[in-house]
All heavy atoms as atom14 arrays in JSON, in Angstrom:
{
  "sequence": "ERIFVEGQTPYPKIIAGFPRYWKRAIQDCQ",
  "atom14_mask": [
    [1, 1, 1, 1, 1, 1, 1, 1, 1, 0, 0, 0, 0, 0],
    [1, 1, 1, 1, 1, 1, 1, 1, 1, 1, 1, 0, 0, 0],
    [1, 1, 1, 1, 1, 1, 1, 1, 0, 0, 0, 0, 0, 0],
    [1, 1, 1, 1, 1, 1, 1, 1, 1, 1, 1, 0, 0, 0],
    [1, 1, 1, 1, 1, 1, 1, 0, 0, 0, 0, 0, 0, 0],
    [1, 1, 1, 1, 1, 1, 1, 1, 1, 0, 0, 0, 0, 0],
    [1, 1, 1, 1, 0, 0, 0, 0, 0, 0, 0, 0, 0, 0],
    [1, 1, 1, 1, 1, 1, 1, 1, 1, 0, 0, 0, 0, 0],
    [1, 1, 1, 1, 1, 1, 1, 0, 0, 0, 0, 0, 0, 0],
    [1, 1, 1, 1, 1, 1, 1, 0, 0, 0, 0, 0, 0, 0],
    [1, 1, 1, 1, 1, 1, 1, 1, 1, 1, 1, 1, 0, 0],
    [1, 1, 1, 1, 1, 1, 1, 0, 0, 0, 0, 0, 0, 0],
    [1, 1, 1, 1, 1, 1, 1, 1, 1, 0, 0, 0, 0, 0],
    [1, 1, 1, 1, 1, 1, 1, 1, 0, 0, 0, 0, 0, 0],
    [1, 1, 1, 1, 1, 1, 1, 1, 0, 0, 0, 0, 0, 0],
    [1, 1, 1, 1, 1, 0, 0, 0, 0, 0, 0, 0, 0, 0],
    [1, 1, 1, 1, 0, 0, 0, 0, 0, 0, 0, 0, 0, 0],
    [1, 1, 1, 1, 1, 1, 1, 1, 1, 1, 1, 0, 0, 0],
    [1, 1, 1, 1, 1, 1, 1, 0, 0, 0, 0, 0, 0, 0],
    [1, 1, 1, 1, 1, 1, 1, 1, 1, 1, 1, 0, 0, 0],
    [1, 1, 1, 1, 1, 1, 1, 1, 1, 1, 1, 1, 0, 0],
    [1, 1, 1, 1, 1, 1, 1, 1, 1, 1, 1, 1, 1, 1],
    [1, 1, 1, 1, 1, 1, 1, 1, 1, 0, 0, 0, 0, 0],
    [1, 1, 1, 1, 1, 1, 1, 1, 1, 1, 1, 0, 0, 0],
    [1, 1, 1, 1, 1, 0, 0, 0, 0, 0, 0, 0, 0, 0],
    [1, 1, 1, 1, 1, 1, 1, 1, 0, 0, 0, 0, 0, 0],
    [1, 1, 1, 1, 1, 1, 1, 1, 1, 0, 0, 0, 0, 0],
    [1, 1, 1, 1, 1, 1, 1, 1, 0, 0, 0, 0, 0, 0],
    [1, 1, 1, 1, 1, 1, 0, 0, 0, 0, 0, 0, 0, 0],
    [1, 1, 1, 1, 1, 1, 1, 1, 1, 0, 0, 0, 0, 0]
  ],
  "atom14_positions": [
    [[6.59, -7.82, 10.11], [6.03, -6.71, 9.31], [7.13, -6.01, 8.53], [6.97, -5.69, 7.34], [5.34, -5.72, 10.25], [4.73, -4.52, 9.57], [3.4, -4.82, 8.9], [2.84, -5.9, 9.15], [2.93, -3.95, 8.14], [0.0, 0.0, 0.0], [0.0, 0.0, 0.0], [0.0, 0.0, 0.0], [0.0, 0.0, 0.0], [0.0, 0.0, 0.0]],
    [[8.26, -5.78, 9.19], [9.36, -5.05, 8.55], [9.99, -5.84, 7.41], [10.34, -5.29, 6.37], [10.41, -4.71, 9.6], [11.58, -3.9, 9.08], [12.4, -3.35, 10.22], [13.57, -2.63, 9.74], [14.8, -3.1, 9.72], [15.02, -4.32, 10.19], [15.81, -2.39, 9.27], [0.0, 0.0, 0.0], [0.0, 0.0, 0.0], [0.0, 0.0, 0.0]],
    [[10.12, -7.18, 7.62], [10.8, -7.99, 6.62], [9.88, -8.36, 5.46], [10.24, -8.21, 4.29], [11.37, -9.27, 7.27], [12.49, -8.9, 8.25], [11.9, -10.24, 6.22], [13.06, -10.08, 9.0], [0.0, 0.0, 0.0], [0.0, 0.0, 0.0], [0.0, 0.0, 0.0], [0.0, 0.0, 0.0], [0.0, 0.0, 0.0], [0.0, 0.0, 0.0]],
    [[8.68, -8.83, 5.77], [7.82, -9.42, 4.73], [6.8, -8.45, 4.14], [6.26, -8.73, 3.07], [7.08, -10.63, 5.29], [8.01, -11.73, 5.73], [8.17, -12.04, 7.06], [8.74, -12.44, 4.8], [9.03, -13.04, 7.47], [9.61, -13.45, 5.19], [9.75, -13.75, 6.53], [0.0, 0.0, 0.0], [0.0, 0.0, 0.0], [0.0, 0.0, 0.0]],
    [[6.53, -7.36, 4.81], [5.54, -6.4, 4.3], [6.23, -5.13, 3.81], [6.09, -4.73, 2.66], [4.49, -6.06, 5.37], [3.49, -5.03, 4.83], [3.76, -7.33, 5.82], [0.0, 0.0, 0.0], [0.0, 0.0, 0.0], [0.0, 0.0, 0.0], [0.0, 0.0, 0.0], [0.0, 0.0, 0.0], [0.0, 0.0, 0.0], [0.0, 0.0, 0.0]],
    [[6.97, -4.5, 4.69], [7.64, -3.26, 4.3], [8.82, -3.53, 3.38], [9.1, -2.75, 2.47], [8.13, -2.52, 5.55], [7.0, -2.1, 6.48], [7.52, -1.44, 7.74], [8.76, -1.29, 7.85], [6.71, -1.1, 8.61], [0.0, 0.0, 0.0], [0.0, 0.0, 0.0], [0.0, 0.0, 0.0], [0.0, 0.0, 0.0], [0.0, 0.0, 0.0]],
    [[9.53, -4.64, 3.6], [10.67, -4.99, 2.75], [11.93, -4.27, 3.18], [11.92, -3.31, 3.95], [0.0, 0.0, 0.0], [0.0, 0.0, 0.0], [0.0, 0.0, 0.0], [0.0, 0.0, 0.0], [0.0, 0.0, 0.0], [0.0, 0.0, 0.0], [0.0, 0.0, 0.0], [0.0, 0.0, 0.0], [0.0, 0.0, 0.0], [0.0, 0.0, 0.0]],
    [[13.07, -4.79, 2.68], [14.36, -4.2, 2.98], [14.72, -3.17, 1.91], [13.95, -2.9, 0.98], [15.43, -5.29, 3.04], [15.14, -6.38, 4.06], [15.16, -5.85, 5.48], [16.08, -5.15, 5.86], [14.16, -6.18, 6.26], [0.0, 0.0, 0.0], [0.0, 0.0, 0.0], [0.0, 0.0, 0.0], [0.0, 0.0, 0.0], [0.0, 0.0, 0.0]],
    [[15.89, -2.58, 2.06], [16.35, -1.58, 1.11], [16.63, -2.22, -0.24], [17.35, -3.23, -0.32], [17.64, -0.91, 1.63], [17.4, -0.41, 2.94], [18.06, 0.23, 0.71], [0.0, 0.0, 0.0], [0.0, 0.0, 0.0], [0.0, 0.0, 0.0], [0.0, 0.0, 0.0], [0.0, 0.0, 0.0], [0.0, 0.0, 0.0], [0.0, 0.0, 0.0]],
    [[16.07, -1.69, -1.35], [16.35, -2.26, -2.68], [17.85, -2.23, -2.98], [18.53, -1.24, -2.69], [15.57, -1.35, -3.63], [14.52, -0.72, -2.77], [15.13, -0.57, -1.42], [0.0, 0.0, 0.0], [0.0, 0.0, 0.0], [0.0, 0.0, 0.0], [0.0, 0.0, 0.0], [0.0, 0.0, 0.0], [0.0, 0.0, 0.0], [0.0, 0.0, 0.0]],
    [[18.33, -3.32, -3.58], [19.77, -3.41, -3.79], [20.31, -2.36, -4.77], [21.44, -1.87, -4.58], [20.13, -4.81, -4.27], [21.58, -5.15, -4.01], [22.06, -5.27, -2.72], [22.49, -5.3, -5.08], [23.39, -5.57, -2.47], [23.82, -5.6, -4.84], [24.27, -5.72, -3.53], [25.59, -6.0, -3.28], [0.0, 0.0, 0.0], [0.0, 0.0, 0.0]],
    [[19.56, -1.98, -5.81], [20.08, -0.88, -6.66], [20.31, 0.41, -5.86], [21.27, 1.14, -6.14], [18.97, -0.69, -7.7], [18.32, -2.03, -7.79], [18.35, -2.57, -6.4], [0.0, 0.0, 0.0], [0.0, 0.0, 0.0], [0.0, 0.0, 0.0], [0.0, 0.0, 0.0], [0.0, 0.0, 0.0], [0.0, 0.0, 0.0], [0.0, 0.0, 0.0]],
    [[19.47, 0.66, -4.86], [19.69, 1.85, -4.04], [20.96, 1.7, -3.21], [21.68, 2.68, -2.97], [18.47, 2.05, -3.13], [18.53, 3.31, -2.29], [17.26, 3.47, -1.48], [17.31, 4.73, -0.62], [16.07, 4.92, 0.19], [0.0, 0.0, 0.0], [0.0, 0.0, 0.0], [0.0, 0.0, 0.0], [0.0, 0.0, 0.0], [0.0, 0.0, 0.0]],
    [[21.25, 0.47, -2.73], [22.49, 0.24, -1.98], [23.7, 0.45, -2.88], [24.7, 1.06, -2.46], [22.48, -1.19, -1.39], [21.38, -1.33, -0.33], [23.84, -1.53, -0.78], [21.28, -2.72, 0.26], [0.0, 0.0, 0.0], [0.0, 0.0, 0.0], [0.0, 0.0, 0.0], [0.0, 0.0, 0.0], [0.0, 0.0, 0.0], [0.0, 0.0, 0.0]],
    [[23.64, -0.02, -4.13], [24.76, 0.16, -5.05], [24.97, 1.64, -5.35], [26.13, 2.12, -5.41], [24.5, -0.62, -6.35], [24.44, -2.14, -6.07], [25.59, -0.31, -7.38], [25.71, -2.71, -5.52], [0.0, 0.0, 0.0], [0.0, 0.0, 0.0], [0.0, 0.0, 0.0], [0.0, 0.0, 0.0], [0.0, 0.0, 0.0], [0.0, 0.0, 0.0]],
    [[23.86, 2.38, -5.5], [23.99, 3.81, -5.81], [24.65, 4.57, -4.66], [25.44, 5.49, -4.89], [22.6, 4.4, -6.11], [0.0, 0.0, 0.0], [0.0, 0.0, 0.0], [0.0, 0.0, 0.0], [0.0, 0.0, 0.0], [0.0, 0.0, 0.0], [0.0, 0.0, 0.0], [0.0, 0.0, 0.0], [0.0, 0.0, 0.0], [0.0, 0.0, 0.0]],
    [[24.33, 4.22, -3.43], [24.94, 4.89, -2.28], [25.86, 3.97, -1.51], [25.84, 3.95, -0.27], [0.0, 0.0, 0.0], [0.0, 0.0, 0.0], [0.0, 0.0, 0.0], [0.0, 0.0, 0.0], [0.0, 0.0, 0.0], [0.0, 0.0, 0.0], [0.0, 0.0, 0.0], [0.0, 0.0, 0.0], [0.0, 0.0, 0.0], [0.0, 0.0, 0.0]],
    [[26.67, 3.18, -2.25], [27.47, 2.13, -1.63], [28.42, 2.64, -0.55], [28.51, 2.01, 0.51], [28.27, 1.38, -2.72], [29.01, 0.19, -2.19], [28.35, -1.01, -1.99], [30.36, 0.28, -1.88], [29.03, -2.11, -1.5], [31.05, -0.81, -1.37], [30.38, -2.02, -1.18], [0.0, 0.0, 0.0], [0.0, 0.0, 0.0], [0.0, 0.0, 0.0]],
    [[29.17, 3.76, -0.76], [30.08, 4.22, 0.3], [29.36, 4.46, 1.63], [29.86, 4.08, 2.69], [30.68, 5.5, -0.26], [30.58, 5.33, -1.74], [29.29, 4.6, -1.96], [0.0, 0.0, 0.0], [0.0, 0.0, 0.0], [0.0, 0.0, 0.0], [0.0, 0.0, 0.0], [0.0, 0.0, 0.0], [0.0, 0.0, 0.0], [0.0, 0.0, 0.0]],
    [[28.18, 5.06, 1.55], [27.44, 5.36, 2.78], [26.96, 4.08, 3.44], [27.08, 3.91, 4.67], [26.26, 6.27, 2.46], [25.39, 6.61, 3.66], [24.46, 7.77, 3.3], [23.63, 7.46, 2.15], [22.43, 6.87, 2.22], [21.95, 6.5, 3.4], [21.73, 6.64, 1.14], [0.0, 0.0, 0.0], [0.0, 0.0, 0.0], [0.0, 0.0, 0.0]],
    [[26.4, 3.14, 2.68], [25.92, 1.89, 3.26], [27.07, 1.01, 3.77], [26.94, 0.33, 4.78], [25.1, 1.11, 2.22], [23.73, 1.69, 2.01], [23.47, 2.53, 0.92], [22.69, 1.43, 2.89], [22.21, 3.07, 0.71], [21.42, 1.96, 2.7], [21.18, 2.79, 1.61], [19.94, 3.33, 1.42], [0.0, 0.0, 0.0], [0.0, 0.0, 0.0]],
    [[28.2, 1.05, 3.05], [29.35, 0.28, 3.5], [29.9, 0.82, 4.82], [30.27, 0.06, 5.71], [30.42, 0.27, 2.43], [31.65, -0.5, 2.81], [32.86, -0.01, 3.15], [31.76, -1.92, 2.93], [33.75, -1.0, 3.46], [33.09, -2.21, 3.32], [30.89, -2.99, 2.71], [33.55, -3.51, 3.52], [31.36, -4.27, 2.91], [32.67, -4.53, 3.31]],
    [[29.97, 2.15, 4.93], [30.44, 2.77, 6.16], [29.54, 2.41, 7.34], [30.02, 2.11, 8.44], [30.5, 4.29, 5.99], [31.03, 5.02, 7.21], [31.09, 6.52, 6.95], [31.62, 7.25, 8.19], [31.7, 8.73, 7.96], [0.0, 0.0, 0.0], [0.0, 0.0, 0.0], [0.0, 0.0, 0.0], [0.0, 0.0, 0.0], [0.0, 0.0, 0.0]],
    [[28.25, 2.41, 7.1], [27.31, 2.04, 8.17], [27.49, 0.58, 8.56], [27.43, 0.21, 9.75], [25.88, 2.28, 7.71], [24.85, 1.94, 8.78], [23.45, 2.11, 8.28], [22.48, 1.67, 9.25], [21.16, 1.61, 9.04], [20.66, 2.0, 7.86], [20.35, 1.18, 9.98], [0.0, 0.0, 0.0], [0.0, 0.0, 0.0], [0.0, 0.0, 0.0]],
    [[27.73, -0.29, 7.56], [27.94, -1.71, 7.85], [29.2, -1.91, 8.69], [29.22, -2.71, 9.63], [28.03, -2.5, 6.55], [0.0, 0.0, 0.0], [0.0, 0.0, 0.0], [0.0, 0.0, 0.0], [0.0, 0.0, 0.0], [0.0, 0.0, 0.0], [0.0, 0.0, 0.0], [0.0, 0.0, 0.0], [0.0, 0.0, 0.0], [0.0, 0.0, 0.0]],
    [[30.27, -1.18, 8.38], [31.5, -1.28, 9.15], [31.28, -0.82, 10.58], [31.75, -1.44, 11.55], [32.63, -0.47, 8.48], [32.98, -1.08, 7.12], [33.86, -0.41, 9.38], [33.48, -2.49, 7.18], [0.0, 0.0, 0.0], [0.0, 0.0, 0.0], [0.0, 0.0, 0.0], [0.0, 0.0, 0.0], [0.0, 0.0, 0.0], [0.0, 0.0, 0.0]],
    [[30.55, 0.29, 10.74], [30.26, 0.8, 12.09], [29.44, -0.21, 12.89], [29.7, -0.43, 14.09], [29.53, 2.13, 11.99], [30.38, 3.27, 11.46], [29.59, 4.54, 11.27], [28.35, 4.55, 11.32], [30.3, 5.65, 11.04], [0.0, 0.0, 0.0], [0.0, 0.0, 0.0], [0.0, 0.0, 0.0], [0.0, 0.0, 0.0], [0.0, 0.0, 0.0]],
    [[28.45, -0.82, 12.25], [27.64, -1.82, 12.96], [28.47, -3.03, 13.36], [28.3, -3.59, 14.45], [26.47, -2.26, 12.08], [25.4, -1.19, 11.97], [25.41, -0.25, 12.79], [24.55, -1.3, 11.05], [0.0, 0.0, 0.0], [0.0, 0.0, 0.0], [0.0, 0.0, 0.0], [0.0, 0.0, 0.0], [0.0, 0.0, 0.0], [0.0, 0.0, 0.0]],
    [[29.39, -3.45, 12.49], [30.24, -4.58, 12.82], [31.18, -4.25, 13.98], [31.41, -5.08, 14.87], [31.06, -5.0, 11.6], [30.1, -5.82, 10.32], [0.0, 0.0, 0.0], [0.0, 0.0, 0.0], [0.0, 0.0, 0.0], [0.0, 0.0, 0.0], [0.0, 0.0, 0.0], [0.0, 0.0, 0.0], [0.0, 0.0, 0.0], [0.0, 0.0, 0.0]],
    [[31.73, -3.02, 13.97], [32.59, -2.62, 15.07], [31.82, -2.59, 16.39], [32.33, -3.02, 17.43], [33.21, -1.25, 14.77], [34.24, -1.28, 13.66], [34.77, 0.11, 13.33], [34.19, 1.13, 13.72], [35.87, 0.16, 12.58], [0.0, 0.0, 0.0], [0.0, 0.0, 0.0], [0.0, 0.0, 0.0], [0.0, 0.0, 0.0], [0.0, 0.0, 0.0]]
  ]
}
């Protein structure tokens, strides 16, 4: 449901808030 119906975060939104999304990605990897 989450992947195919609700969808993921639009990539333009990720680019607009890249520092915040990148920081979260680093934290998840750690």
